[in-house]
Amino acid sequence: MMTPILDDAMKRLEVALGLLEASVSRRLETERRRGDLETELQLMQDDRARLAVELDGALTRLQRYEAATDDVSRRVRQAIGTIQTVLVRAGQLEPEEG
């Protein structure tokens, strides 16, 4: 049989060990969450970099399309002018004033 002093010391030790286990569990959970957050942050940074590259590509294509549209618009205006000139010379269209 244990003495009351030894029995009390064992109970305090058991409580202290329980608290230590709880503290270690909380610490491990915190570290796991930190790792999850770091992984999530890395994935978000990777996505951001990929989206930036895609955006740059889209902007480049947009600039090319705008240049092509401007060129087509210029050519259509020239063609309209040429057709109007031919029609005026053929007497099919009154010359524009101004």
Protein backbone atom coordinates (compact mmCIF):
# COMPACT_ATOMS: atom_id res chain seq x y z
CA MET A 1 0.00 0.00 0.00
CA MET A 2 1.22 3.50 -0.86
CA THR A 3 1.64 6.18 1.65
CA PRO A 4 -0.70 9.18 1.36
CA ILE A 5 2.23 11.38 0.37
CA LEU A 6 3.29 8.99 -2.39
CA ASP A 7 -0.33 8.55 -3.49
CA ASP A 8 -0.78 12.34 -3.71
CA ALA A 9 2.48 12.71 -5.65
CA MET A 10 1.36 10.01 -8.13
CA LYS A 11 -1.97 11.78 -8.68
CA ARG A 12 -0.18 15.09 -9.30
CA LEU A 13 2.18 13.31 -11.71
CA GLU A 14 -0.77 11.79 -13.59
CA VAL A 15 -2.43 15.23 -13.86
CA ALA A 16 0.84 16.78 -15.02
CA LEU A 17 1.31 14.03 -17.63
CA GLY A 18 -2.27 14.54 -18.85
CA LEU A 19 -1.65 18.26 -19.22
CA LEU A 20 1.62 17.57 -21.02
CA GLU A 21 -0.09 15.17 -23.43
CA ALA A 22 -2.82 17.73 -24.13
CA SER A 23 -0.19 20.42 -24.71
CA VAL A 24 1.78 18.18 -27.09
CA SER A 25 -1.42 17.31 -28.98
CA ARG A 26 -2.31 20.99 -29.36
CA ARG A 27 1.21 21.75 -30.53
CA LEU A 28 1.14 18.94 -33.10
CA GLU A 29 -2.26 20.11 -34.36
CA THR A 30 -0.95 23.67 -34.66
CA GLU A 31 2.07 22.46 -36.64
CA ARG A 32 -0.18 20.35 -38.90
CA ARG A 33 -2.42 23.35 -39.55
CA ARG A 34 0.61 25.55 -40.26
CA GLY A 35 1.82 22.98 -42.77
CA ASP A 36 -1.63 22.92 -44.38
CA LEU A 37 -1.65 26.71 -44.58
CA GLU A 38 1.84 26.80 -46.08
CA THR A 39 0.80 24.21 -48.66
CA GLU A 40 -2.36 26.18 -49.47
CA LEU A 41 -0.35 29.41 -49.75
CA GLN A 42 2.11 27.73 -52.14
CA LEU A 43 -0.76 26.45 -54.27
CA MET A 44 -2.28 29.94 -54.38
CA GLN A 45 1.08 31.45 -55.36
CA ASP A 46 1.45 28.83 -58.11
CA ASP A 47 -2.07 29.64 -59.34
CA ARG A 48 -1.31 33.36 -59.28
CA ALA A 49 1.86 32.86 -61.33
CA ARG A 50 0.01 30.65 -63.84
CA LEU A 51 -2.82 33.18 -64.13
CA ALA A 52 -0.33 36.02 -64.63
CA VAL A 53 1.26 34.12 -67.51
CA GLU A 54 -2.16 33.40 -69.01
CA LEU A 55 -3.16 37.05 -68.63
CA ASP A 56 0.03 38.20 -70.37
CA GLY A 57 -0.71 35.81 -73.23
CA ALA A 58 -4.30 37.03 -73.48
CA LEU A 59 -3.18 40.66 -73.53
CA THR A 60 -0.67 39.90 -76.27
CA ARG A 61 -3.37 38.16 -78.35
CA LEU A 62 -5.74 41.10 -77.74
CA GLN A 63 -3.11 43.55 -78.99
CA ARG A 64 -2.61 41.43 -82.11
CA TYR A 65 -6.37 41.29 -82.73
CA GLU A 66 -6.67 45.05 -82.25
CA ALA A 67 -3.84 45.64 -84.73
CA ALA A 68 -5.44 43.26 -87.23
CA THR A 69 -8.83 44.95 -86.75
CA ASP A 70 -7.29 48.37 -87.32
CA ASP A 71 -5.59 47.09 -90.48
CA VAL A 72 -8.82 45.52 -91.80
CA SER A 73 -10.76 48.70 -91.00
CA ARG A 74 -8.19 50.80 -92.89
CA ARG A 75 -8.34 48.47 -95.90
CA VAL A 76 -12.16 48.50 -95.93
CA ARG A 77 -12.17 52.32 -95.87
CA GLN A 78 -9.69 52.34 -98.77
CA ALA A 79 -11.83 49.86 -100.72
CA ILE A 80 -14.95 51.95 -100.11
CA GLY A 81 -13.09 55.03 -101.33
CA THR A 82 -11.88 53.20 -104.43
CA ILE A 83 -15.37 51.90 -105.23
CA GLN A 84 -16.86 55.37 -104.76
CA THR A 85 -14.23 56.83 -107.09
CA VAL A 86 -14.98 54.22 -109.74
CA LEU A 87 -18.74 54.83 -109.42
CA VAL A 88 -18.28 58.61 -109.67
CA ARG A 89 -16.16 58.19 -112.80
CA ALA A 90 -18.76 55.85 -114.27
CA GLY A 91 -21.48 58.39 -113.54
CA GLN A 92 -23.29 56.06 -111.20
CA LEU A 93 -22.70 58.19 -108.08
CA GLU A 94 -22.74 61.89 -107.39
CA PRO A 95 -19.37 63.16 -106.07
CA GLU A 96 -19.35 63.97 -102.36
CA GLU A 97 -18.84 67.62 -101.48
CA GLY A 98 -16.38 68.70 -98.91
